[in-house]
Amino acid sequence: MWDILKVKKAGLFAGGVLFGTAGVKLLSSKDAKKFYTNCTAAVLRAKDSLMKTATTVQENAGDILAEAQQINEERAAKEAAEAEIVEETEENTGAEDFKEEEV
């Protein structure tokens, strides 16, 4: 007694073998090889374009990073100079206040 499940599995297996055999013949034809070659060439062109874009982005990112570091260094130097001026002012003001208290 053949069970429906066994018949279905056997049918699927036979169909797969038939499809695989026909697929191999179809995929190895001259037209298919030409199609694969053209697709591969298109992928390689896309890769080259993508690599050029990536290189440009990397260069721009490097420039942006360098400029940002320069801005931060200038800002830190300016803040340090302002802090030094404030300290000197406080020292001078503190000394005058002290002299006033002595009087």
PDB file of N, CA and C in Angstrom:
ATOM      1  N   MET A   1       0.826  -1.172   0.000  1.00  0.00           N
ATOM      2  CA  MET A   1       0.000   0.000   0.000  1.00  0.00           C
ATOM      3  C   MET A   1       0.882   1.251   0.000  1.00  0.00           C
ATOM      4  N   TRP A   2       0.723   1.975  -1.024  1.00  0.00           N
ATOM      5  CA  TRP A   2       1.482   3.209  -1.118  1.00  0.00           C
ATOM      6  C   TRP A   2       0.733   4.311  -0.389  1.00  0.00           C
ATOM      7  N   ASP A   3       1.447   4.917   0.467  1.00  0.00           N
ATOM      8  CA  ASP A   3       0.879   6.045   1.213  1.00  0.00           C
ATOM      9  C   ASP A   3       1.003   7.301   0.345  1.00  0.00           C
ATOM     10  N   ILE A   4       0.082   8.207   0.449  1.00  0.00           N
ATOM     11  CA  ILE A   4       0.083   9.440  -0.343  1.00  0.00           C
ATOM     12  C   ILE A   4       1.375  10.218  -0.091  1.00  0.00           C
ATOM     13  N   LEU A   5       1.863  10.223   1.133  1.00  0.00           N
ATOM     14  CA  LEU A   5       3.080  10.957   1.473  1.00  0.00           C
ATOM     15  C   LEU A   5       4.279  10.378   0.737  1.00  0.00           C
ATOM     16  N   LYS A   6       4.347   9.034   0.635  1.00  0.00           N
ATOM     17  CA  LYS A   6       5.462   8.401  -0.066  1.00  0.00           C
ATOM     18  C   LYS A   6       5.410   8.714  -1.555  1.00  0.00           C
ATOM     19  N   VAL A   7       4.231   8.714  -2.138  1.00  0.00           N
ATOM     20  CA  VAL A   7       4.073   9.032  -3.557  1.00  0.00           C
ATOM     21  C   VAL A   7       4.458  10.482  -3.808  1.00  0.00           C
ATOM     22  N   LYS A   8       4.048  11.327  -2.907  1.00  0.00           N
ATOM     23  CA  LYS A   8       4.364  12.750  -3.051  1.00  0.00           C
ATOM     24  C   LYS A   8       5.876  12.983  -2.976  1.00  0.00           C
ATOM     25  N   LYS A   9       6.532  12.312  -2.032  1.00  0.00           N
ATOM     26  CA  LYS A   9       7.986  12.449  -1.906  1.00  0.00           C
ATOM     27  C   LYS A   9       8.695  11.917  -3.136  1.00  0.00           C
ATOM     28  N   ALA A  10       8.236  10.767  -3.659  1.00  0.00           N
ATOM     29  CA  ALA A  10       8.849  10.188  -4.856  1.00  0.00           C
ATOM     30  C   ALA A  10       8.645  11.116  -6.049  1.00  0.00           C
ATOM     31  N   GLY A  11       7.459  11.702  -6.165  1.00  0.00           N
ATOM     32  CA  GLY A  11       7.185  12.638  -7.256  1.00  0.00           C
ATOM     33  C   GLY A  11       8.047  13.883  -7.163  1.00  0.00           C
ATOM     34  N   LEU A  12       8.206  14.399  -5.968  1.00  0.00           N
ATOM     35  CA  LEU A  12       9.065  15.580  -5.782  1.00  0.00           C
ATOM     36  C   LEU A  12      10.515  15.259  -6.110  1.00  0.00           C
ATOM     37  N   PHE A  13      10.970  14.068  -5.716  1.00  0.00           N
ATOM     38  CA  PHE A  13      12.345  13.679  -6.017  1.00  0.00           C
ATOM     39  C   PHE A  13      12.547  13.572  -7.525  1.00  0.00           C
ATOM     40  N   ALA A  14      11.620  12.899  -8.217  1.00  0.00           N
ATOM     41  CA  ALA A  14      11.732  12.742  -9.674  1.00  0.00           C
ATOM     42  C   ALA A  14      11.669  14.097 -10.365  1.00  0.00           C
ATOM     43  N   GLY A  15      10.789  14.957  -9.898  1.00  0.00           N
ATOM     44  CA  GLY A  15      10.712  16.300 -10.479  1.00  0.00           C
ATOM     45  C   GLY A  15      11.996  17.078 -10.254  1.00  0.00           C
ATOM     46  N   GLY A  16      12.586  16.947  -9.083  1.00  0.00           N
ATOM     47  CA  GLY A  16      13.846  17.629  -8.796  1.00  0.00           C
ATOM     48  C   GLY A  16      14.973  17.150  -9.674  1.00  0.00           C
ATOM     49  N   VAL A  17      15.032  15.827  -9.887  1.00  0.00           N
ATOM     50  CA  VAL A  17      16.072  15.278 -10.761  1.00  0.00           C
ATOM     51  C   VAL A  17      15.876  15.789 -12.188  1.00  0.00           C
ATOM     52  N   LEU A  18      14.639  15.765 -12.671  1.00  0.00           N
ATOM     53  CA  LEU A  18      14.347  16.238 -14.025  1.00  0.00           C
ATOM     54  C   LEU A  18      14.664  17.719 -14.165  1.00  0.00           C
ATOM     55  N   PHE A  19      14.236  18.512 -13.199  1.00  0.00           N
ATOM     56  CA  PHE A  19      14.496  19.951 -13.227  1.00  0.00           C
ATOM     57  C   PHE A  19      15.997  20.227 -13.145  1.00  0.00           C
ATOM     58  N   GLY A  20      16.696  19.463 -12.298  1.00  0.00           N
ATOM     59  CA  GLY A  20      18.139  19.641 -12.165  1.00  0.00           C
ATOM     60  C   GLY A  20      18.869  19.318 -13.444  1.00  0.00           C
ATOM     61  N   THR A  21      18.473  18.237 -14.105  1.00  0.00           N
ATOM     62  CA  THR A  21      19.116  17.848 -15.361  1.00  0.00           C
ATOM     63  C   THR A  21      18.855  18.889 -16.443  1.00  0.00           C
ATOM     64  N   ALA A  22      17.608  19.317 -16.549  1.00  0.00           N
ATOM     65  CA  ALA A  22      17.276  20.339 -17.546  1.00  0.00           C
ATOM     66  C   ALA A  22      17.958  21.655 -17.193  1.00  0.00           C
ATOM     67  N   GLY A  23      18.036  21.968 -15.889  1.00  0.00           N
ATOM     68  CA  GLY A  23      18.670  23.202 -15.442  1.00  0.00           C
ATOM     69  C   GLY A  23      20.143  23.245 -15.767  1.00  0.00           C
ATOM     70  N   VAL A  24      20.818  22.101 -15.588  1.00  0.00           N
ATOM     71  CA  VAL A  24      22.247  22.046 -15.895  1.00  0.00           C
ATOM     72  C   VAL A  24      22.462  22.294 -17.381  1.00  0.00           C
ATOM     73  N   LYS A  25      21.647  21.679 -18.216  1.00  0.00           N
ATOM     74  CA  LYS A  25      21.773  21.880 -19.678  1.00  0.00           C
ATOM     75  C   LYS A  25      21.509  23.344 -20.031  1.00  0.00           C
ATOM     76  N   LEU A  26      20.471  23.912 -19.408  1.00  0.00           N
ATOM     77  CA  LEU A  26      20.109  25.298 -19.682  1.00  0.00           C
ATOM     78  C   LEU A  26      21.204  26.248 -19.197  1.00  0.00           C
ATOM     79  N   LEU A  27      21.719  25.998 -17.998  1.00  0.00           N
ATOM     80  CA  LEU A  27      22.723  26.892 -17.429  1.00  0.00           C
ATOM     81  C   LEU A  27      24.073  26.796 -18.119  1.00  0.00           C
ATOM     82  N   SER A  28      24.335  25.700 -18.796  1.00  0.00           N
ATOM     83  CA  SER A  28      25.623  25.550 -19.469  1.00  0.00           C
ATOM     84  C   SER A  28      25.550  25.915 -20.953  1.00  0.00           C
ATOM     85  N   SER A  29      24.452  26.470 -21.408  1.00  0.00           N
ATOM     86  CA  SER A  29      24.328  26.861 -22.817  1.00  0.00           C
ATOM     87  C   SER A  29      25.151  28.123 -23.099  1.00  0.00           C
ATOM     88  N   LYS A  30      25.392  28.362 -24.378  1.00  0.00           N
ATOM     89  CA  LYS A  30      26.186  29.534 -24.777  1.00  0.00           C
ATOM     90  C   LYS A  30      25.485  30.834 -24.404  1.00  0.00           C
ATOM     91  N   ASP A  31      24.178  30.867 -24.587  1.00  0.00           N
ATOM     92  CA  ASP A  31      23.426  32.076 -24.255  1.00  0.00           C
ATOM     93  C   ASP A  31      23.495  32.368 -22.753  1.00  0.00           C
ATOM     94  N   ALA A  32      23.405  31.312 -21.961  1.00  0.00           N
ATOM     95  CA  ALA A  32      23.477  31.493 -20.513  1.00  0.00           C
ATOM     96  C   ALA A  32      24.859  31.995 -20.110  1.00  0.00           C
ATOM     97  N   LYS A  33      25.898  31.439 -20.723  1.00  0.00           N
ATOM     98  CA  LYS A  33      27.259  31.891 -20.398  1.00  0.00           C
ATOM     99  C   LYS A  33      27.456  33.358 -20.771  1.00  0.00           C
ATOM    100  N   LYS A  34      26.879  33.758 -21.909  1.00  0.00           N
ATOM    101  CA  LYS A  34      26.977  35.161 -22.318  1.00  0.00           C
ATOM    102  C   LYS A  34      26.259  36.053 -21.312  1.00  0.00           C
ATOM    103  N   PHE A  35      25.089  35.604 -20.868  1.00  0.00           N
ATOM    104  CA  PHE A  35      24.338  36.355 -19.861  1.00  0.00           C
ATOM    105  C   PHE A  35      25.134  36.468 -18.565  1.00  0.00           C
ATOM    106  N   TYR A  36      25.734  35.371 -18.121  1.00  0.00           N
ATOM    107  CA  TYR A  36      26.536  35.393 -16.886  1.00  0.00           C
ATOM    108  C   TYR A  36      27.718  36.337 -17.028  1.00  0.00           C
ATOM    109  N   THR A  37      28.344  36.310 -18.190  1.00  0.00           N
ATOM    110  CA  THR A  37      29.498  37.188 -18.434  1.00  0.00           C
ATOM    111  C   THR A  37      29.091  38.650 -18.362  1.00  0.00           C
ATOM    112  N   ASN A  38      27.966  38.984 -18.985  1.00  0.00           N
ATOM    113  CA  ASN A  38      27.492  40.375 -18.952  1.00  0.00           C
ATOM    114  C   ASN A  38      27.111  40.791 -17.533  1.00  0.00           C
ATOM    115  N   CYS A  39      26.478  39.899 -16.795  1.00  0.00           N
ATOM    116  CA  CYS A  39      26.120  40.218 -15.403  1.00  0.00           C
ATOM    117  C   CYS A  39      27.367  40.428 -14.553  1.00  0.00           C
ATOM    118  N   THR A  40      28.361  39.570 -14.755  1.00  0.00           N
ATOM    119  CA  THR A  40      29.607  39.704 -13.991  1.00  0.00           C
ATOM    120  C   THR A  40      30.314  41.016 -14.335  1.00  0.00           C
ATOM    121  N   ALA A  41      30.311  41.385 -15.617  1.00  0.00           N
ATOM    122  CA  ALA A  41      30.923  42.648 -16.028  1.00  0.00           C
ATOM    123  C   ALA A  41      30.201  43.832 -15.381  1.00  0.00           C
ATOM    124  N   ALA A  42      28.879  43.768 -15.311  1.00  0.00           N
ATOM    125  CA  ALA A  42      28.107  44.845 -14.684  1.00  0.00           C
ATOM    126  C   ALA A  42      28.423  44.944 -13.195  1.00  0.00           C
ATOM    127  N   VAL A  43      28.564  43.802 -12.544  1.00  0.00           N
ATOM    128  CA  VAL A  43      28.902  43.800 -11.116  1.00  0.00           C
ATOM    129  C   VAL A  43      30.289  44.402 -10.898  1.00  0.00           C
ATOM    130  N   LEU A  44      31.232  44.067 -11.754  1.00  0.00           N
ATOM    131  CA  LEU A  44      32.586  44.624 -11.624  1.00  0.00           C
ATOM    132  C   LEU A  44      32.592  46.137 -11.832  1.00  0.00           C
ATOM    133  N   ARG A  45      31.786  46.615 -12.795  1.00  0.00           N
ATOM    134  CA  ARG A  45      31.684  48.075 -12.996  1.00  0.00           C
ATOM    135  C   ARG A  45      31.080  48.743 -11.767  1.00  0.00           C
ATOM    136  N   ALA A  46      30.065  48.120 -11.211  1.00  0.00           N
ATOM    137  CA  ALA A  46      29.438  48.678 -10.010  1.00  0.00           C
ATOM    138  C   ALA A  46      30.428  48.690  -8.850  1.00  0.00           C
ATOM    139  N   LYS A  47      31.234  47.645  -8.741  1.00  0.00           N
ATOM    140  CA  LYS A  47      32.251  47.577  -7.676  1.00  0.00           C
ATOM    141  C   LYS A  47      33.263  48.713  -7.825  1.00  0.00           C
ATOM    142  N   ASP A  48      33.726  48.952  -9.054  1.00  0.00           N
ATOM    143  CA  ASP A  48      34.682  50.043  -9.289  1.00  0.00           C
ATOM    144  C   ASP A  48      34.079  51.390  -8.899  1.00  0.00           C
ATOM    145  N   SER A  49      32.838  51.613  -9.293  1.00  0.00           N
ATOM    146  CA  SER A  49      32.167  52.858  -8.952  1.00  0.00           C
ATOM    147  C   SER A  49      32.022  53.008  -7.442  1.00  0.00           C
ATOM    148  N   LEU A  50      31.653  51.931  -6.793  1.00  0.00           N
ATOM    149  CA  LEU A  50      31.497  51.949  -5.340  1.00  0.00           C
ATOM    150  C   LEU A  50      32.825  52.220  -4.642  1.00  0.00           C
ATOM    151  N   MET A  51      33.892  51.633  -5.137  1.00  0.00           N
ATOM    152  CA  MET A  51      35.210  51.844  -4.536  1.00  0.00           C
ATOM    153  C   MET A  51      35.658  53.301  -4.703  1.00  0.00           C
ATOM    154  N   LYS A  52      35.373  53.908  -5.852  1.00  0.00           N
ATOM    155  CA  LYS A  52      35.719  55.319  -6.057  1.00  0.00           C
ATOM    156  C   LYS A  52      34.952  56.201  -5.070  1.00  0.00           C
ATOM    157  N   THR A  53      33.668  55.894  -4.906  1.00  0.00           N
ATOM    158  CA  THR A  53      32.841  56.668  -3.974  1.00  0.00           C
ATOM    159  C   THR A  53      33.348  56.492  -2.551  1.00  0.00           C
ATOM    160  N   ALA A  54      33.688  55.268  -2.174  1.00  0.00           N
ATOM    161  CA  ALA A  54      34.185  55.005  -0.821  1.00  0.00           C
ATOM    162  C   ALA A  54      35.498  55.743  -0.573  1.00  0.00           C
ATOM    163  N   THR A  55      36.368  55.775  -1.568  1.00  0.00           N
ATOM    164  CA  THR A  55      37.638  56.492  -1.430  1.00  0.00           C
ATOM    165  C   THR A  55      37.392  57.980  -1.230  1.00  0.00           C
ATOM    166  N   THR A  56      36.473  58.544  -1.986  1.00  0.00           N
ATOM    167  CA  THR A  56      36.142  59.970  -1.854  1.00  0.00           C
ATOM    168  C   THR A  56      35.584  60.264  -0.468  1.00  0.00           C
ATOM    169  N   VAL A  57      34.709  59.403   0.014  1.00  0.00           N
ATOM    170  CA  VAL A  57      34.128  59.595   1.347  1.00  0.00           C
ATOM    171  C   VAL A  57      35.215  59.510   2.413  1.00  0.00           C
ATOM    172  N   GLN A  58      36.133  58.558   2.280  1.00  0.00           N
ATOM    173  CA  GLN A  58      37.223  58.432   3.253  1.00  0.00           C
ATOM    174  C   GLN A  58      38.107  59.678   3.254  1.00  0.00           C
ATOM    175  N   GLU A  59      38.425  60.191   2.070  1.00  0.00           N
ATOM    176  CA  GLU A  59      39.253  61.393   1.990  1.00  0.00           C
ATOM    177  C   GLU A  59      38.542  62.574   2.650  1.00  0.00           C
ATOM    178  N   ASN A  60      37.258  62.728   2.366  1.00  0.00           N
ATOM    179  CA  ASN A  60      36.499  63.825   2.964  1.00  0.00           C
ATOM    180  C   ASN A  60      36.410  63.666   4.481  1.00  0.00           C
ATOM    181  N   ALA A  61      36.231  62.451   4.938  1.00  0.00           N
ATOM    182  CA  ALA A  61      36.149  62.209   6.380  1.00  0.00           C
ATOM    183  C   ALA A  61      37.481  62.554   7.048  1.00  0.00           C
ATOM    184  N   GLY A  62      38.582  62.229   6.382  1.00  0.00           N
ATOM    185  CA  GLY A  62      39.901  62.577   6.923  1.00  0.00           C
ATOM    186  C   GLY A  62      40.090  64.083   7.028  1.00  0.00           C
ATOM    187  N   ASP A  63      39.655  64.803   5.984  1.00  0.00           N
ATOM    188  CA  ASP A  63      39.743  66.266   6.000  1.00  0.00           C
ATOM    189  C   ASP A  63      38.881  66.854   7.112  1.00  0.00           C
ATOM    190  N   ILE A  64      37.674  66.337   7.252  1.00  0.00           N
ATOM    191  CA  ILE A  64      36.763  66.830   8.293  1.00  0.00           C
ATOM    192  C   ILE A  64      37.354  66.585   9.669  1.00  0.00           C
ATOM    193  N   LEU A  65      37.926  65.403   9.881  1.00  0.00           N
ATOM    194  CA  LEU A  65      38.530  65.082  11.170  1.00  0.00           C
ATOM    195  C   LEU A  65      39.695  66.020  11.481  1.00  0.00           C
ATOM    196  N   ALA A  66      40.552  66.264  10.496  1.00  0.00           N
ATOM    197  CA  ALA A  66      41.698  67.152  10.709  1.00  0.00           C
ATOM    198  C   ALA A  66      41.237  68.572  11.052  1.00  0.00           C
ATOM    199  N   GLU A  67      40.227  69.073  10.337  1.00  0.00           N
ATOM    200  CA  GLU A  67      39.730  70.413  10.615  1.00  0.00           C
ATOM    201  C   GLU A  67      39.071  70.489  11.991  1.00  0.00           C
ATOM    202  N   ALA A  68      38.350  69.443  12.357  1.00  0.00           N
ATOM    203  CA  ALA A  68      37.706  69.427  13.674  1.00  0.00           C
ATOM    204  C   ALA A  68      38.755  69.422  14.786  1.00  0.00           C
ATOM    205  N   GLN A  69      39.812  68.648  14.614  1.00  0.00           N
ATOM    206  CA  GLN A  69      40.878  68.627  15.618  1.00  0.00           C
ATOM    207  C   GLN A  69      41.543  69.997  15.730  1.00  0.00           C
ATOM    208  N   GLN A  70      41.761  70.658  14.597  1.00  0.00           N
ATOM    209  CA  GLN A  70      42.371  71.985  14.609  1.00  0.00           C
ATOM    210  C   GLN A  70      41.462  72.983  15.336  1.00  0.00           C
ATOM    211  N   ILE A  71      40.163  72.922  15.074  1.00  0.00           N
ATOM    212  CA  ILE A  71      39.214  73.819  15.740  1.00  0.00           C
ATOM    213  C   ILE A  71      39.246  73.591  17.245  1.00  0.00           C
ATOM    214  N   ASN A  72      39.261  72.325  17.652  1.00  0.00           N
ATOM    215  CA  ASN A  72      39.290  72.025  19.091  1.00  0.00           C
ATOM    216  C   ASN A  72      40.584  72.494  19.746  1.00  0.00           C
ATOM    217  N   GLU A  73      41.711  72.351  19.046  1.00  0.00           N
ATOM    218  CA  GLU A  73      42.979  72.831  19.596  1.00  0.00           C
ATOM    219  C   GLU A  73      42.960  74.350  19.758  1.00  0.00           C
ATOM    220  N   GLU A  74      42.468  75.054  18.745  1.00  0.00           N
ATOM    221  CA  GLU A  74      42.390  76.517  18.822  1.00  0.00           C
ATOM    222  C   GLU A  74      41.453  76.951  19.948  1.00  0.00           C
ATOM    223  N   ARG A  75      40.352  76.252  20.080  1.00  0.00           N
ATOM    224  CA  ARG A  75      39.386  76.575  21.129  1.00  0.00           C
ATOM    225  C   ARG A  75      39.980  76.331  22.520  1.00  0.00           C
ATOM    226  N   ALA A  76      40.710  75.230  22.660  1.00  0.00           N
ATOM    227  CA  ALA A  76      41.338  74.929  23.949  1.00  0.00           C
ATOM    228  C   ALA A  76      42.397  75.970  24.291  1.00  0.00           C
ATOM    229  N   ALA A  77      43.166  76.402  23.293  1.00  0.00           N
ATOM    230  CA  ALA A  77      44.188  77.420  23.524  1.00  0.00           C
ATOM    231  C   ALA A  77      43.534  78.749  23.929  1.00  0.00           C
ATOM    232  N   LYS A  78      42.429  79.087  23.265  1.00  0.00           N
ATOM    233  CA  LYS A  78      41.722  80.326  23.590  1.00  0.00           C
ATOM    234  C   LYS A  78      41.164  80.267  25.013  1.00  0.00           C
ATOM    235  N   GLU A  79      40.572  79.114  25.378  1.00  0.00           N
ATOM    236  CA  GLU A  79      40.027  78.965  26.738  1.00  0.00           C
ATOM    237  C   GLU A  79      41.133  79.015  27.784  1.00  0.00           C
ATOM    238  N   ALA A  80      42.288  78.435  27.465  1.00  0.00           N
ATOM    239  CA  ALA A  80      43.411  78.466  28.400  1.00  0.00           C
ATOM    240  C   ALA A  80      43.910  79.901  28.580  1.00  0.00           C
ATOM    241  N   ALA A  81      43.963  80.665  27.483  1.00  0.00           N
ATOM    242  CA  ALA A  81      44.407  82.057  27.569  1.00  0.00           C
ATOM    243  C   ALA A  81      43.413  82.880  28.374  1.00  0.00           C
ATOM    244  N   GLU A  82      42.113  82.633  28.155  1.00  0.00           N
ATOM    245  CA  GLU A  82      41.100  83.355  28.922  1.00  0.00           C
ATOM    246  C   GLU A  82      41.166  82.989  30.399  1.00  0.00           C
ATOM    247  N   ALA A  83      41.399  81.733  30.705  1.00  0.00           N
ATOM    248  CA  ALA A  83      41.506  81.298  32.099  1.00  0.00           C
ATOM    249  C   ALA A  83      42.728  81.941  32.760  1.00  0.00           C
ATOM    250  N   GLU A  84      43.804  82.073  32.005  1.00  0.00           N
ATOM    251  CA  GLU A  84      45.013  82.697  32.552  1.00  0.00           C
ATOM    252  C   GLU A  84      44.757  84.173  32.847  1.00  0.00           C
ATOM    253  N   ILE A  85      44.041  84.844  31.966  1.00  0.00           N
ATOM    254  CA  ILE A  85      43.707  86.254  32.183  1.00  0.00           C
ATOM    255  C   ILE A  85      42.835  86.398  33.426  1.00  0.00           C
ATOM    256  N   VAL A  86      41.862  85.490  33.577  1.00  0.00           N
ATOM    257  CA  VAL A  86      40.982  85.541  34.744  1.00  0.00           C
ATOM    258  C   VAL A  86      41.787  85.318  36.023  1.00  0.00           C
ATOM    259  N   GLU A  87      42.711  84.379  36.000  1.00  0.00           N
ATOM    260  CA  GLU A  87      43.545  84.113  37.179  1.00  0.00           C
ATOM    261  C   GLU A  87      44.392  85.329  37.529  1.00  0.00           C
ATOM    262  N   GLU A  88      44.986  85.955  36.521  1.00  0.00           N
ATOM    263  CA  GLU A  88      45.808  87.137  36.776  1.00  0.00           C
ATOM    264  C   GLU A  88      44.954  88.266  37.345  1.00  0.00           C
ATOM    265  N   THR A  89      43.770  88.425  36.802  1.00  0.00           N
ATOM    266  CA  THR A  89      42.865  89.473  37.279  1.00  0.00           C
ATOM    267  C   THR A  89      42.486  89.209  38.729  1.00  0.00           C
ATOM    268  N   GLU A  90      42.186  87.945  39.041  1.00  0.00           N
ATOM    269  CA  GLU A  90      41.819  87.592  40.417  1.00  0.00           C
ATOM    270  C   GLU A  90      42.984  87.811  41.368  1.00  0.00           C
ATOM    271  N   GLU A  91      44.201  87.488  40.920  1.00  0.00           N
ATOM    272  CA  GLU A  91      45.377  87.697  41.758  1.00  0.00           C
ATOM    273  C   GLU A  91      45.587  89.187  42.015  1.00  0.00           C
ATOM    274  N   ASN A  92      45.473  89.978  40.954  1.00  0.00           N
ATOM    275  CA  ASN A  92      45.655  91.419  41.102  1.00  0.00           C
ATOM    276  C   ASN A  92      44.550  92.020  41.963  1.00  0.00           C
ATOM    277  N   THR A  93      43.340  91.600  41.754  1.00  0.00           N
ATOM    278  CA  THR A  93      42.209  92.112  42.530  1.00  0.00           C
ATOM    279  C   THR A  93      42.345  91.677  43.976  1.00  0.00           C
ATOM    280  N   GLY A  94      42.761  90.465  44.199  1.00  0.00           N
ATOM    281  CA  GLY A  94      42.946  89.963  45.556  1.00  0.00           C
ATOM    282  C   GLY A  94      44.032  90.725  46.296  1.00  0.00           C
ATOM    283  N   ALA A  95      45.092  91.088  45.611  1.00  0.00           N
ATOM    284  CA  ALA A  95      46.178  91.834  46.240  1.00  0.00           C
ATOM    285  C   ALA A  95      45.710  93.228  46.595  1.00  0.00           C
ATOM    286  N   GLU A  96      44.947  93.878  45.741  1.00  0.00           N
ATOM    287  CA  GLU A  96      44.450  95.221  46.049  1.00  0.00           C
ATOM    288  C   GLU A  96      43.478  95.187  47.216  1.00  0.00           C
ATOM    289  N   ASP A  97      42.637  94.192  47.259  1.00  0.00           N
ATOM    290  CA  ASP A  97      41.693  94.061  48.350  1.00  0.00           C
ATOM    291  C   ASP A  97      42.441  93.867  49.658  1.00  0.00           C
ATOM    292  N   PHE A  98      43.516  93.102  49.591  1.00  0.00           N
ATOM    293  CA  PHE A  98      44.289  92.855  50.795  1.00  0.00           C
ATOM    294  C   PHE A  98      44.929  94.154  51.290  1.00  0.00           C
ATOM    295  N   LYS A  99      45.436  94.976  50.349  1.00  0.00           N
ATOM    296  CA  LYS A  99      46.046  96.245  50.729  1.00  0.00           C
ATOM    297  C   LYS A  99      44.998  97.162  51.343  1.00  0.00           C
ATOM    298  N   GLU A 100      43.802  97.158  50.807  1.00  0.00           N
ATOM    299  CA  GLU A 100      42.765  98.004  51.333  1.00  0.00           C
ATOM    300  C   GLU A 100      42.407  97.579  52.768  1.00  0.00           C
ATOM    301  N   GLU A 101      42.444  96.282  53.027  1.00  0.00           N
ATOM    302  CA  GLU A 101      42.088  95.809  54.351  1.00  0.00           C
ATOM    303  C   GLU A 101      43.143  96.200  55.376  1.00  0.00           C
ATOM    304  N   GLU A 102      44.392  96.326  54.969  1.00  0.00           N
ATOM    305  CA  GLU A 102      45.453  96.695  55.891  1.00  0.00           C
ATOM    306  C   GLU A 102      45.302  98.118  56.351  1.00  0.00           C
ATOM    307  N   VAL A 103      44.780  98.948  55.545  1.00  0.00           N
ATOM    308  CA  VAL A 103      44.682 100.360  55.855  1.00  0.00           C
ATOM    309  C   VAL A 103      43.705 100.628  56.898  1.00  0.00           C
TER     310      VAL A 103
END
